[in-house]
């Protein structure tokens, strides 16, 4: 869905885990800026505040003090740890859509 906000406002994006076989151990967020084909990973912290509700298998990302650069399409997901090698995993490849 599309949301329009003013600069300086805040935005909360909600995600619900559809697949019960996933665990909310580690979530991930991506943004594709308007007019771009590249998707970038969002680092949580600072203006980006995440809230996780394990009971309802839901999580949300609040973006505070919005700027023009925050515009774009957002995607959420969770890491599938069972598919990861001990040496680590590719967050993009192992991240299911939320």
N, C-alpha and C. Protein backbone atom coordinates (compact mmCIF):
# COMPACT_ATOMS: atom_id res chain seq x y z
N UNK A 1 0.85 -1.19 0.00
CA UNK A 1 0.00 0.00 0.00
C UNK A 1 0.88 1.24 0.00
N UNK A 2 0.35 2.31 -0.51
CA UNK A 2 1.10 3.55 -0.63
C UNK A 2 0.78 4.49 0.53
N UNK A 3 1.82 5.12 1.06
CA UNK A 3 1.67 6.06 2.17
C UNK A 3 2.43 7.33 1.83
N UNK A 4 1.81 8.47 2.07
CA UNK A 4 2.47 9.76 1.85
C UNK A 4 2.64 10.47 3.19
N UNK A 5 3.86 10.91 3.44
CA UNK A 5 4.17 11.60 4.70
C UNK A 5 4.95 12.86 4.40
N UNK A 6 4.95 13.76 5.36
CA UNK A 6 5.70 15.00 5.24
C UNK A 6 7.09 14.83 5.87
N UNK A 7 8.04 15.61 5.40
CA UNK A 7 9.38 15.62 5.98
C UNK A 7 9.28 15.95 7.47
N UNK A 8 10.01 15.18 8.28
CA UNK A 8 10.01 15.41 9.72
C UNK A 8 9.01 14.56 10.48
N UNK A 9 8.04 13.98 9.76
CA UNK A 9 7.07 13.10 10.41
C UNK A 9 7.68 11.72 10.64
N UNK A 10 6.90 10.82 11.21
CA UNK A 10 7.37 9.44 11.40
C UNK A 10 6.43 8.48 10.68
N UNK A 11 6.92 7.29 10.40
CA UNK A 11 6.16 6.27 9.68
C UNK A 11 6.42 4.92 10.33
N UNK A 12 5.36 4.14 10.52
CA UNK A 12 5.51 2.78 11.04
C UNK A 12 5.05 1.79 9.98
N UNK A 13 5.91 0.83 9.66
CA UNK A 13 5.62 -0.21 8.68
C UNK A 13 5.44 -1.52 9.45
N UNK A 14 4.29 -2.16 9.26
CA UNK A 14 3.99 -3.40 9.98
C UNK A 14 4.15 -4.62 9.10
N UNK A 15 4.64 -5.71 9.69
CA UNK A 15 4.81 -6.97 8.99
C UNK A 15 4.29 -8.10 9.86
N UNK A 16 3.61 -9.06 9.23
CA UNK A 16 3.15 -10.25 9.94
C UNK A 16 3.75 -11.46 9.25
N UNK A 17 4.30 -12.36 10.05
CA UNK A 17 4.94 -13.57 9.52
C UNK A 17 3.86 -14.54 9.07
N UNK A 18 3.83 -14.85 7.77
CA UNK A 18 2.80 -15.73 7.24
C UNK A 18 3.11 -17.20 7.46
N UNK A 19 4.38 -17.55 7.44
CA UNK A 19 4.79 -18.95 7.55
C UNK A 19 5.15 -19.27 8.99
N UNK A 20 4.37 -20.14 9.62
CA UNK A 20 4.57 -20.46 11.04
C UNK A 20 5.87 -21.22 11.29
N UNK A 21 6.49 -21.74 10.23
CA UNK A 21 7.72 -22.50 10.40
C UNK A 21 8.93 -21.58 10.60
N UNK A 22 8.73 -20.30 10.37
CA UNK A 22 9.81 -19.34 10.58
C UNK A 22 9.80 -18.90 12.04
N UNK A 23 10.95 -18.50 12.53
CA UNK A 23 11.04 -17.95 13.88
C UNK A 23 11.45 -16.49 13.76
N UNK A 24 10.98 -15.68 14.68
CA UNK A 24 11.33 -14.26 14.65
C UNK A 24 12.67 -14.02 15.34
N UNK A 25 13.65 -14.86 15.03
CA UNK A 25 14.95 -14.72 15.66
C UNK A 25 15.69 -13.50 15.15
N UNK A 26 15.61 -13.26 13.86
CA UNK A 26 16.29 -12.10 13.29
C UNK A 26 15.50 -11.63 12.08
N UNK A 27 15.12 -10.39 12.11
CA UNK A 27 14.33 -9.82 11.03
C UNK A 27 15.22 -8.96 10.14
N UNK A 28 14.72 -8.65 8.97
CA UNK A 28 15.49 -7.80 8.06
C UNK A 28 14.54 -6.90 7.29
N UNK A 29 15.06 -5.77 6.90
CA UNK A 29 14.28 -4.76 6.18
C UNK A 29 15.09 -4.26 4.98
N UNK A 30 14.39 -4.04 3.87
CA UNK A 30 15.03 -3.54 2.67
C UNK A 30 14.22 -2.38 2.10
N UNK A 31 14.92 -1.49 1.39
CA UNK A 31 14.25 -0.37 0.73
C UNK A 31 14.74 -0.27 -0.70
N UNK A 32 13.79 -0.08 -1.60
CA UNK A 32 14.12 0.22 -3.00
C UNK A 32 13.67 1.64 -3.25
N UNK A 33 14.63 2.52 -3.49
CA UNK A 33 14.30 3.93 -3.68
C UNK A 33 13.53 4.13 -4.98
N UNK A 34 12.70 5.15 -5.00
CA UNK A 34 11.90 5.46 -6.17
C UNK A 34 12.80 5.65 -7.39
N UNK A 35 12.45 4.97 -8.48
CA UNK A 35 13.22 5.09 -9.71
C UNK A 35 14.45 4.23 -9.76
N UNK A 36 14.72 3.47 -8.70
CA UNK A 36 15.91 2.62 -8.65
C UNK A 36 15.52 1.15 -8.78
N UNK A 37 16.44 0.34 -9.28
CA UNK A 37 16.20 -1.10 -9.36
C UNK A 37 16.95 -1.83 -8.25
N UNK A 38 17.80 -1.12 -7.54
CA UNK A 38 18.59 -1.74 -6.48
C UNK A 38 17.87 -1.68 -5.14
N UNK A 39 17.95 -2.77 -4.40
CA UNK A 39 17.36 -2.85 -3.06
C UNK A 39 18.49 -2.76 -2.04
N UNK A 40 18.33 -1.91 -1.05
CA UNK A 40 19.38 -1.76 -0.04
C UNK A 40 18.89 -2.22 1.32
N UNK A 41 19.80 -2.80 2.09
CA UNK A 41 19.47 -3.26 3.43
C UNK A 41 19.40 -2.07 4.38
N UNK A 42 18.44 -2.10 5.30
CA UNK A 42 18.29 -1.04 6.29
C UNK A 42 18.90 -1.49 7.60
N UNK A 43 19.79 -0.68 8.13
CA UNK A 43 20.40 -0.97 9.43
C UNK A 43 19.51 -0.40 10.53
N UNK A 44 19.10 -1.27 11.44
CA UNK A 44 18.24 -0.82 12.54
C UNK A 44 19.05 -0.02 13.55
N UNK A 45 18.39 0.98 14.13
CA UNK A 45 19.07 1.85 15.08
C UNK A 45 18.95 3.29 14.63
N UNK A 46 19.15 4.23 15.54
CA UNK A 46 19.02 5.64 15.20
C UNK A 46 17.59 5.99 14.87
N UNK A 47 17.34 6.47 13.65
CA UNK A 47 15.98 6.83 13.24
C UNK A 47 15.10 5.62 12.97
N UNK A 48 15.74 4.44 12.82
CA UNK A 48 15.02 3.21 12.49
C UNK A 48 14.85 2.36 13.74
N UNK A 49 13.62 2.30 14.25
CA UNK A 49 13.35 1.59 15.50
C UNK A 49 12.42 0.40 15.22
N UNK A 50 12.89 -0.79 15.57
CA UNK A 50 12.09 -1.99 15.32
C UNK A 50 11.43 -2.48 16.60
N UNK A 51 10.20 -2.96 16.45
CA UNK A 51 9.47 -3.59 17.55
C UNK A 51 9.06 -4.98 17.09
N UNK A 52 9.33 -6.00 17.92
CA UNK A 52 9.00 -7.38 17.58
C UNK A 52 8.02 -7.93 18.60
N UNK A 53 6.94 -8.54 18.11
CA UNK A 53 5.95 -9.19 18.97
C UNK A 53 5.94 -10.68 18.61
N UNK A 54 6.71 -11.46 19.35
CA UNK A 54 6.85 -12.89 19.04
C UNK A 54 5.52 -13.63 19.15
N UNK A 55 4.69 -13.23 20.11
CA UNK A 55 3.42 -13.91 20.32
C UNK A 55 2.52 -13.87 19.10
N UNK A 56 2.45 -12.73 18.45
CA UNK A 56 1.59 -12.59 17.27
C UNK A 56 2.38 -12.74 15.97
N UNK A 57 3.65 -13.13 16.09
CA UNK A 57 4.51 -13.30 14.91
C UNK A 57 4.49 -12.06 14.03
N UNK A 58 4.56 -10.91 14.66
CA UNK A 58 4.56 -9.66 13.90
C UNK A 58 5.71 -8.78 14.34
N UNK A 59 6.10 -7.89 13.45
CA UNK A 59 7.16 -6.94 13.77
C UNK A 59 6.94 -5.68 12.95
N UNK A 60 7.49 -4.59 13.42
CA UNK A 60 7.29 -3.32 12.73
C UNK A 60 8.55 -2.49 12.76
N UNK A 61 8.64 -1.59 11.81
CA UNK A 61 9.77 -0.66 11.73
C UNK A 61 9.22 0.76 11.75
N UNK A 62 9.68 1.53 12.72
CA UNK A 62 9.29 2.94 12.80
C UNK A 62 10.46 3.79 12.31
N UNK A 63 10.17 4.67 11.36
CA UNK A 63 11.19 5.58 10.84
C UNK A 63 10.84 6.97 11.34
N UNK A 64 11.71 7.52 12.15
CA UNK A 64 11.49 8.84 12.73
C UNK A 64 12.14 9.94 11.88
N UNK A 65 11.62 11.15 12.00
CA UNK A 65 12.21 12.32 11.34
C UNK A 65 12.45 12.06 9.85
N UNK A 66 11.39 11.73 9.14
CA UNK A 66 11.49 11.36 7.73
C UNK A 66 12.16 12.43 6.87
N UNK A 67 12.93 11.96 5.90
CA UNK A 67 13.56 12.83 4.92
C UNK A 67 13.13 12.39 3.52
N UNK A 68 13.44 13.18 2.53
CA UNK A 68 13.11 12.84 1.14
C UNK A 68 13.79 11.52 0.76
N UNK A 69 14.98 11.28 1.30
CA UNK A 69 15.74 10.07 0.99
C UNK A 69 15.05 8.79 1.47
N UNK A 70 14.10 8.92 2.38
CA UNK A 70 13.39 7.74 2.90
C UNK A 70 12.33 7.23 1.94
N UNK A 71 12.06 7.97 0.89
CA UNK A 71 11.03 7.57 -0.07
C UNK A 71 11.41 6.30 -0.80
N UNK A 72 10.42 5.45 -1.07
CA UNK A 72 10.67 4.23 -1.81
C UNK A 72 9.74 3.11 -1.38
N UNK A 73 10.08 1.89 -1.81
CA UNK A 73 9.31 0.70 -1.49
C UNK A 73 10.06 -0.13 -0.46
N UNK A 74 9.37 -0.50 0.60
CA UNK A 74 10.00 -1.24 1.70
C UNK A 74 9.54 -2.70 1.70
N UNK A 75 10.46 -3.58 2.10
CA UNK A 75 10.16 -5.01 2.19
C UNK A 75 10.74 -5.53 3.50
N UNK A 76 10.01 -6.44 4.12
CA UNK A 76 10.50 -7.02 5.36
C UNK A 76 10.64 -8.53 5.20
N UNK A 77 11.37 -9.14 6.11
CA UNK A 77 11.53 -10.59 6.07
C UNK A 77 12.23 -11.09 7.31
N UNK A 78 12.41 -12.40 7.36
CA UNK A 78 13.13 -13.01 8.48
C UNK A 78 14.19 -13.95 7.93
N UNK A 79 15.26 -14.11 8.68
CA UNK A 79 16.33 -15.02 8.28
C UNK A 79 15.89 -16.45 8.53
N UNK A 80 16.19 -17.32 7.57
CA UNK A 80 15.91 -18.74 7.72
C UNK A 80 17.18 -19.41 8.21
N UNK A 81 17.39 -19.40 9.51
CA UNK A 81 18.66 -19.88 10.07
C UNK A 81 18.94 -21.33 9.73
N UNK A 82 17.92 -22.15 9.56
CA UNK A 82 18.13 -23.56 9.28
C UNK A 82 18.83 -23.79 7.94
N UNK A 83 18.78 -22.78 7.08
CA UNK A 83 19.39 -22.92 5.76
C UNK A 83 20.78 -22.30 5.70
N UNK A 84 21.23 -21.73 6.82
CA UNK A 84 22.51 -21.03 6.82
C UNK A 84 23.65 -21.95 7.19
N UNK A 85 24.75 -21.76 6.51
CA UNK A 85 25.97 -22.50 6.86
C UNK A 85 26.57 -21.87 8.11
N UNK A 86 27.35 -22.65 8.89
CA UNK A 86 27.96 -22.11 10.11
C UNK A 86 28.82 -20.88 9.85
N UNK A 87 29.35 -20.76 8.64
CA UNK A 87 30.23 -19.64 8.32
C UNK A 87 29.46 -18.34 8.10
N UNK A 88 28.14 -18.46 8.09
CA UNK A 88 27.34 -17.26 7.86
C UNK A 88 26.40 -17.47 6.70
N UNK A 89 25.60 -16.48 6.43
CA UNK A 89 24.65 -16.63 5.33
C UNK A 89 24.43 -15.30 4.63
N UNK A 90 23.94 -15.39 3.45
CA UNK A 90 23.64 -14.21 2.65
C UNK A 90 22.27 -13.68 3.08
N UNK A 91 22.22 -12.51 3.71
CA UNK A 91 20.94 -11.99 4.20
C UNK A 91 19.88 -11.87 3.11
N UNK A 92 20.30 -11.51 1.91
CA UNK A 92 19.33 -11.32 0.84
C UNK A 92 18.77 -12.66 0.38
N UNK A 93 19.66 -13.62 0.15
CA UNK A 93 19.21 -14.92 -0.34
C UNK A 93 18.42 -15.71 0.68
N UNK A 94 18.73 -15.52 1.95
CA UNK A 94 18.08 -16.31 2.99
C UNK A 94 16.96 -15.56 3.69
N UNK A 95 16.54 -14.48 3.11
CA UNK A 95 15.51 -13.68 3.75
C UNK A 95 14.19 -13.87 3.02
N UNK A 96 13.21 -14.44 3.70
CA UNK A 96 11.91 -14.65 3.08
C UNK A 96 11.09 -13.37 3.15
N UNK A 97 10.25 -13.15 2.17
CA UNK A 97 9.43 -11.94 2.17
C UNK A 97 8.41 -11.97 3.29
N UNK A 98 8.17 -10.81 3.88
CA UNK A 98 7.22 -10.72 4.99
C UNK A 98 5.86 -10.27 4.51
